[in-house]
PDB file of all heavy atoms in Angstrom:
ATOM      1  N   GLY A   1     115.629 -11.105 100.394  1.00  0.00           N
ATOM      2  CA  GLY A   1     114.370 -11.866 100.602  1.00  0.00           C
ATOM      3  C   GLY A   1     113.293 -11.632  99.549  1.00  0.00           C
ATOM      4  O   GLY A   1     113.526 -10.757  98.632  1.00  0.00           O
ATOM      5  N   GLY A   2     112.437 -12.457  99.555  1.00  0.00           N
ATOM      6  CA  GLY A   2     111.348 -12.400  98.602  1.00  0.00           C
ATOM      7  C   GLY A   2     111.598 -12.807  97.216  1.00  0.00           C
ATOM      8  O   GLY A   2     110.705 -12.612  96.237  1.00  0.00           O
ATOM      9  N   GLY A   3     112.883 -13.283  96.936  1.00  0.00           N
ATOM     10  CA  GLY A   3     113.201 -13.743  95.601  1.00  0.00           C
ATOM     11  C   GLY A   3     113.413 -12.766  94.703  1.00  0.00           C
ATOM     12  O   GLY A   3     113.424 -13.059  93.307  1.00  0.00           O
ATOM     13  N   GLY A   4     113.442 -11.388  95.031  1.00  0.00           N
ATOM     14  CA  GLY A   4     113.507 -10.350  94.031  1.00  0.00           C
ATOM     15  C   GLY A   4     114.864 -10.353  93.402  1.00  0.00           C
ATOM     16  O   GLY A   4     114.873  -9.771  92.196  1.00  0.00           O
ATOM     17  N   GLY A   5     115.921 -10.844  93.735  1.00  0.00           N
ATOM     18  CA  GLY A   5     117.201 -10.819  93.138  1.00  0.00           C
ATOM     19  C   GLY A   5     117.466 -11.977  92.239  1.00  0.00           C
ATOM     20  O   GLY A   5     118.453 -11.944  91.519  1.00  0.00           O
ATOM     21  N   GLY A   6     116.685 -12.923  92.141  1.00  0.00           N
ATOM     22  CA  GLY A   6     116.997 -14.152  91.338  1.00  0.00           C
ATOM     23  C   GLY A   6     117.128 -13.796  89.853  1.00  0.00           C
ATOM     24  O   GLY A   6     117.936 -14.482  89.239  1.00  0.00           O
ATOM     25  N   ALA A   7     116.369 -12.912  89.277  1.00  0.00           N
ATOM     26  CA  ALA A   7     116.453 -12.686  87.812  1.00  0.00           C
ATOM     27  C   ALA A   7     117.824 -12.148  87.454  1.00  0.00           C
ATOM     28  O   ALA A   7     118.158 -12.497  86.310  1.00  0.00           O
ATOM     29  CB  ALA A   7     115.381 -11.638  87.540  1.00  0.00           C
ATOM     30  N   GLY A   8     118.512 -11.301  88.248  1.00  0.00           N
ATOM     31  CA  GLY A   8     119.814 -10.868  87.852  1.00  0.00           C
ATOM     32  C   GLY A   8     120.816 -11.935  87.586  1.00  0.00           C
ATOM     33  O   GLY A   8     121.766 -11.762  86.789  1.00  0.00           O
ATOM     34  N   GLY A   9     120.704 -13.140  88.282  1.00  0.00           N
ATOM     35  CA  GLY A   9     121.608 -14.049  88.049  1.00  0.00           C
ATOM     36  C   GLY A   9     121.655 -14.759  86.733  1.00  0.00           C
ATOM     37  O   GLY A   9     122.501 -15.540  86.407  1.00  0.00           O
ATOM     38  N   ALA A  10     120.563 -14.345  85.943  1.00  0.00           N
ATOM     39  CA  ALA A  10     120.551 -15.040  84.551  1.00  0.00           C
ATOM     40  C   ALA A  10     121.775 -14.741  83.782  1.00  0.00           C
ATOM     41  O   ALA A  10     122.172 -15.473  82.848  1.00  0.00           O
ATOM     42  CB  ALA A  10     119.298 -14.652  83.815  1.00  0.00           C
ATOM     43  N   SER A  11     122.399 -13.446  83.994  1.00  0.00           N
ATOM     44  CA  SER A  11     123.467 -13.176  83.174  1.00  0.00           C
ATOM     45  C   SER A  11     124.915 -13.391  83.895  1.00  0.00           C
ATOM     46  O   SER A  11     125.850 -13.165  83.414  1.00  0.00           O
ATOM     47  CB  SER A  11     123.397 -11.711  82.688  1.00  0.00           C
ATOM     48  OG  SER A  11     123.137 -10.835  83.892  1.00  0.00           O
ATOM     49  N   GLY A  12     124.747 -13.771  85.170  1.00  0.00           N
ATOM     50  CA  GLY A  12     125.922 -14.078  85.894  1.00  0.00           C
ATOM     51  C   GLY A  12     126.016 -15.511  86.586  1.00  0.00           C
ATOM     52  O   GLY A  12     125.777 -16.515  85.800  1.00  0.00           O
ATOM     53  N   SER A  13     125.938 -15.514  87.881  1.00  0.00           N
ATOM     54  CA  SER A  13     126.179 -16.827  88.454  1.00  0.00           C
ATOM     55  C   SER A  13     124.877 -17.543  88.614  1.00  0.00           C
ATOM     56  O   SER A  13     124.654 -18.677  88.989  1.00  0.00           O
ATOM     57  CB  SER A  13     126.883 -16.727  89.834  1.00  0.00           C
ATOM     58  OG  SER A  13     126.064 -15.921  90.696  1.00  0.00           O
ATOM     59  N   GLY A  14     123.683 -16.714  88.608  1.00  0.00           N
ATOM     60  CA  GLY A  14     122.403 -17.213  88.827  1.00  0.00           C
ATOM     61  C   GLY A  14     121.923 -16.912  90.256  1.00  0.00           C
ATOM     62  O   GLY A  14     122.690 -17.190  91.211  1.00  0.00           O
ATOM     63  N   GLY A  15     120.744 -16.538  90.423  1.00  0.00           N
ATOM     64  CA  GLY A  15     120.254 -16.291  91.741  1.00  0.00           C
ATOM     65  C   GLY A  15     119.101 -17.209  92.040  1.00  0.00           C
ATOM     66  O   GLY A  15     118.159 -17.494  91.214  1.00  0.00           O
ATOM     67  N   ALA A  16     118.931 -17.684  93.319  1.00  0.00           N
ATOM     68  CA  ALA A  16     117.833 -18.573  93.718  1.00  0.00           C
ATOM     69  C   ALA A  16     116.770 -17.570  94.410  1.00  0.00           C
ATOM     70  O   ALA A  16     117.101 -16.493  94.757  1.00  0.00           O
ATOM     71  CB  ALA A  16     118.241 -19.544  94.688  1.00  0.00           C
ATOM     72  N   SER A  17     115.628 -18.109  94.392  1.00  0.00           N
ATOM     73  CA  SER A  17     114.436 -17.231  94.843  1.00  0.00           C
ATOM     74  C   SER A  17     114.557 -17.294  96.469  1.00  0.00           C
ATOM     75  O   SER A  17     114.940 -18.199  96.996  1.00  0.00           O
ATOM     76  CB  SER A  17     113.172 -17.727  94.355  1.00  0.00           C
ATOM     77  OG  SER A  17     113.023 -19.050  94.875  1.00  0.00           O
ATOM     78  N   GLY A  18     114.087 -16.165  96.989  1.00  0.00           N
ATOM     79  CA  GLY A  18     113.814 -16.130  98.416  1.00  0.00           C
ATOM     80  C   GLY A  18     115.130 -15.871  99.211  1.00  0.00           C
ATOM     81  O   GLY A  18     116.264 -16.000  98.685  1.00  0.00           O
ATOM     82  N   GLY A  19     115.027 -15.347 100.505  1.00  0.00           N
ATOM     83  CA  GLY A  19     116.209 -15.278 101.386  1.00  0.00           C
ATOM     84  C   GLY A  19     117.136 -14.247 100.733  1.00  0.00           C
ATOM     85  O   GLY A  19     116.828 -13.123 100.367  1.00  0.00           O
ATOM     86  N   GLU A  20     118.499 -14.809 100.727  1.00  0.00           N
ATOM     87  CA  GLU A  20     119.509 -13.888 100.225  1.00  0.00           C
ATOM     88  C   GLU A  20     119.761 -14.059  98.713  1.00  0.00           C
ATOM     89  O   GLU A  20     120.694 -13.665  98.221  1.00  0.00           O
ATOM     90  CB  GLU A  20     120.860 -14.263 100.943  1.00  0.00           C
ATOM     91  CG  GLU A  20     120.952 -13.936 102.323  1.00  0.00           C
ATOM     92  CD  GLU A  20     122.310 -14.202 103.010  1.00  0.00           C
ATOM     93  OE1 GLU A  20     123.263 -14.184 102.281  1.00  0.00           O
ATOM     94  OE2 GLU A  20     122.376 -14.254 104.216  1.00  0.00           O
ATOM     95  N   ALA A  21     118.713 -14.584  98.077  1.00  0.00           N
ATOM     96  CA  ALA A  21     118.952 -14.737  96.558  1.00  0.00           C
ATOM     97  C   ALA A  21     119.027 -13.402  95.956  1.00  0.00           C
ATOM     98  O   ALA A  21     119.626 -13.294  94.833  1.00  0.00           O
ATOM     99  CB  ALA A  21     117.601 -15.457  96.049  1.00  0.00           C
ATOM    100  N   GLY A  22     118.592 -12.310  96.561  1.00  0.00           N
ATOM    101  CA  GLY A  22     118.821 -10.908  95.953  1.00  0.00           C
ATOM    102  C   GLY A  22     120.326 -10.739  95.778  1.00  0.00           C
ATOM    103  O   GLY A  22     120.747 -10.039  94.887  1.00  0.00           O
ATOM    104  N   GLU A  23     121.132 -11.032  96.778  1.00  0.00           N
ATOM    105  CA  GLU A  23     122.580 -10.813  96.589  1.00  0.00           C
ATOM    106  C   GLU A  23     123.149 -11.707  95.449  1.00  0.00           C
ATOM    107  O   GLU A  23     123.982 -11.251  94.692  1.00  0.00           O
ATOM    108  CB  GLU A  23     123.263 -11.112  97.891  1.00  0.00           C
ATOM    109  CG  GLU A  23     123.058 -10.186  99.092  1.00  0.00           C
ATOM    110  CD  GLU A  23     123.819 -10.493 100.187  1.00  0.00           C
ATOM    111  OE1 GLU A  23     124.994 -10.946 100.034  1.00  0.00           O
ATOM    112  OE2 GLU A  23     123.348 -10.266 101.293  1.00  0.00           O
ATOM    113  N   ALA A  24     122.642 -12.896  95.249  1.00  0.00           N
ATOM    114  CA  ALA A  24     123.156 -13.793  94.134  1.00  0.00           C
ATOM    115  C   ALA A  24     122.757 -13.110  92.944  1.00  0.00           C
ATOM    116  O   ALA A  24     123.626 -13.032  91.895  1.00  0.00           O
ATOM    117  CB  ALA A  24     122.631 -15.092  94.318  1.00  0.00           C
ATOM    118  N   GLY A  25     121.552 -12.575  92.809  1.00  0.00           N
ATOM    119  CA  GLY A  25     121.197 -11.875  91.548  1.00  0.00           C
ATOM    120  C   GLY A  25     121.996 -10.606  91.262  1.00  0.00           C
ATOM    121  O   GLY A  25     122.379 -10.329  90.228  1.00  0.00           O
ATOM    122  N   ALA A  26     122.347  -9.816  92.247  1.00  0.00           N
ATOM    123  CA  ALA A  26     123.362  -8.670  92.131  1.00  0.00           C
ATOM    124  C   ALA A  26     124.643  -9.038  91.511  1.00  0.00           C
ATOM    125  O   ALA A  26     125.167  -8.416  90.673  1.00  0.00           O
ATOM    126  CB  ALA A  26     123.519  -7.987  93.456  1.00  0.00           C
ATOM    127  N   ALA A  27     125.109 -10.140  91.972  1.00  0.00           N
ATOM    128  CA  ALA A  27     126.412 -10.697  91.469  1.00  0.00           C
ATOM    129  C   ALA A  27     126.186 -10.950  89.962  1.00  0.00           C
ATOM    130  O   ALA A  27     127.026 -10.767  89.133  1.00  0.00           O
ATOM    131  CB  ALA A  27     126.909 -11.911  92.149  1.00  0.00           C
ATOM    132  N   GLY A  28     124.938 -11.633  89.777  1.00  0.00           N
ATOM    133  CA  GLY A  28     124.797 -12.068  88.269  1.00  0.00           C
ATOM    134  C   GLY A  28     124.630 -10.880  87.421  1.00  0.00           C
ATOM    135  O   GLY A  28     124.954 -10.971  86.174  1.00  0.00           O
ATOM    136  N   ALA A  29     124.170  -9.742  87.747  1.00  0.00           N
ATOM    137  CA  ALA A  29     123.955  -8.610  86.901  1.00  0.00           C
ATOM    138  C   ALA A  29     125.252  -8.185  86.223  1.00  0.00           C
ATOM    139  O   ALA A  29     125.247  -7.693  85.145  1.00  0.00           O
ATOM    140  CB  ALA A  29     123.504  -7.391  87.728  1.00  0.00           C
ATOM    141  N   ALA A  30     126.307  -8.345  86.844  1.00  0.00           N
ATOM    142  CA  ALA A  30     127.596  -8.025  86.278  1.00  0.00           C
ATOM    143  C   ALA A  30     128.042  -9.070  85.258  1.00  0.00           C
ATOM    144  O   ALA A  30     129.027  -8.889  84.520  1.00  0.00           O
ATOM    145  CB  ALA A  30     128.640  -8.006  87.302  1.00  0.00           C
ATOM    146  N   GLY A  31     127.239 -10.051  85.113  1.00  0.00           N
ATOM    147  CA  GLY A  31     127.546 -11.150  84.231  1.00  0.00           C
ATOM    148  C   GLY A  31     127.484 -10.774  82.764  1.00  0.00           C
ATOM    149  O   GLY A  31     127.624 -11.608  81.863  1.00  0.00           O
ATOM    150  N   ASP A  32     127.025  -9.445  82.331  1.00  0.00           N
ATOM    151  CA  ASP A  32     127.133  -9.169  80.981  1.00  0.00           C
ATOM    152  C   ASP A  32     128.438  -9.317  80.365  1.00  0.00           C
ATOM    153  O   ASP A  32     128.670  -9.482  79.258  1.00  0.00           O
ATOM    154  CB  ASP A  32     126.725  -7.617  80.799  1.00  0.00           C
ATOM    155  CG  ASP A  32     125.246  -7.366  81.117  1.00  0.00           C
ATOM    156  OD1 ASP A  32     124.420  -8.374  80.973  1.00  0.00           O
ATOM    157  OD2 ASP A  32     124.853  -6.240  81.420  1.00  0.00           O
ATOM    158  N   PHE A  33     129.410  -9.340  81.276  1.00  0.00           N
ATOM    159  CA  PHE A  33     130.835  -9.386  80.825  1.00  0.00           C
ATOM    160  C   PHE A  33     131.461 -10.750  81.151  1.00  0.00           C
ATOM    161  O   PHE A  33     132.641 -10.961  80.817  1.00  0.00           O
ATOM    162  CB  PHE A  33     131.752  -8.397  81.468  1.00  0.00           C
ATOM    163  CG  PHE A  33     131.347  -7.021  80.982  1.00  0.00           C
ATOM    164  CD1 PHE A  33     130.310  -6.318  81.651  1.00  0.00           C
ATOM    165  CD2 PHE A  33     131.921  -6.389  79.990  1.00  0.00           C
ATOM    166  CE1 PHE A  33     129.850  -4.963  81.175  1.00  0.00           C
ATOM    167  CE2 PHE A  33     131.558  -5.037  79.562  1.00  0.00           C
ATOM    168  CZ  PHE A  33     130.500  -4.410  80.112  1.00  0.00           C
ATOM    169  N   GLY A  34     130.680 -11.728  81.737  1.00  0.00           N
ATOM    170  CA  GLY A  34     131.299 -13.048  81.983  1.00  0.00           C
ATOM    171  C   GLY A  34     130.630 -13.553  83.144  1.00  0.00           C
ATOM    172  O   GLY A  34     129.895 -12.894  83.955  1.00  0.00           O
ATOM    173  N   SER A  35     130.877 -14.841  83.478  1.00  0.00           N
ATOM    174  CA  SER A  35     130.285 -15.491  84.545  1.00  0.00           C
ATOM    175  C   SER A  35     130.604 -14.929  85.901  1.00  0.00           C
ATOM    176  O   SER A  35     131.694 -14.649  86.213  1.00  0.00           O
ATOM    177  CB  SER A  35     130.709 -17.091  84.558  1.00  0.00           C
ATOM    178  OG  SER A  35     130.222 -17.708  85.614  1.00  0.00           O
ATOM    179  N   GLY A  36     129.514 -14.676  86.594  1.00  0.00           N
ATOM    180  CA  GLY A  36     129.721 -14.210  88.077  1.00  0.00           C
ATOM    181  C   GLY A  36     130.221 -12.801  88.047  1.00  0.00           C
ATOM    182  O   GLY A  36     130.678 -12.297  89.105  1.00  0.00           O
ATOM    183  N   GLY A  37     130.008 -12.031  87.026  1.00  0.00           N
ATOM    184  CA  GLY A  37     130.397 -10.595  86.996  1.00  0.00           C
ATOM    185  C   GLY A  37     131.864 -10.359  86.764  1.00  0.00           C
ATOM    186  O   GLY A  37     132.373  -9.413  87.069  1.00  0.00           O
ATOM    187  N   ALA A  38     132.547 -11.366  86.197  1.00  0.00           N
ATOM    188  CA  ALA A  38     133.991 -11.225  85.984  1.00  0.00           C
ATOM    189  C   ALA A  38     134.176 -10.319  84.777  1.00  0.00           C
ATOM    190  O   ALA A  38     133.450 -10.498  83.753  1.00  0.00           O
ATOM    191  CB  ALA A  38     134.639 -12.542  85.722  1.00  0.00           C
TER     192      ALA A  38
END
């Protein structure tokens, strides 16, 4: 919630603000190595 995870998605799959966007952002953090944390 609160849109806190959206920034992490910039390097992975991308995170939206609000709600479960934090989880999307966590996946994105792994994106230093490829889309979606691959």
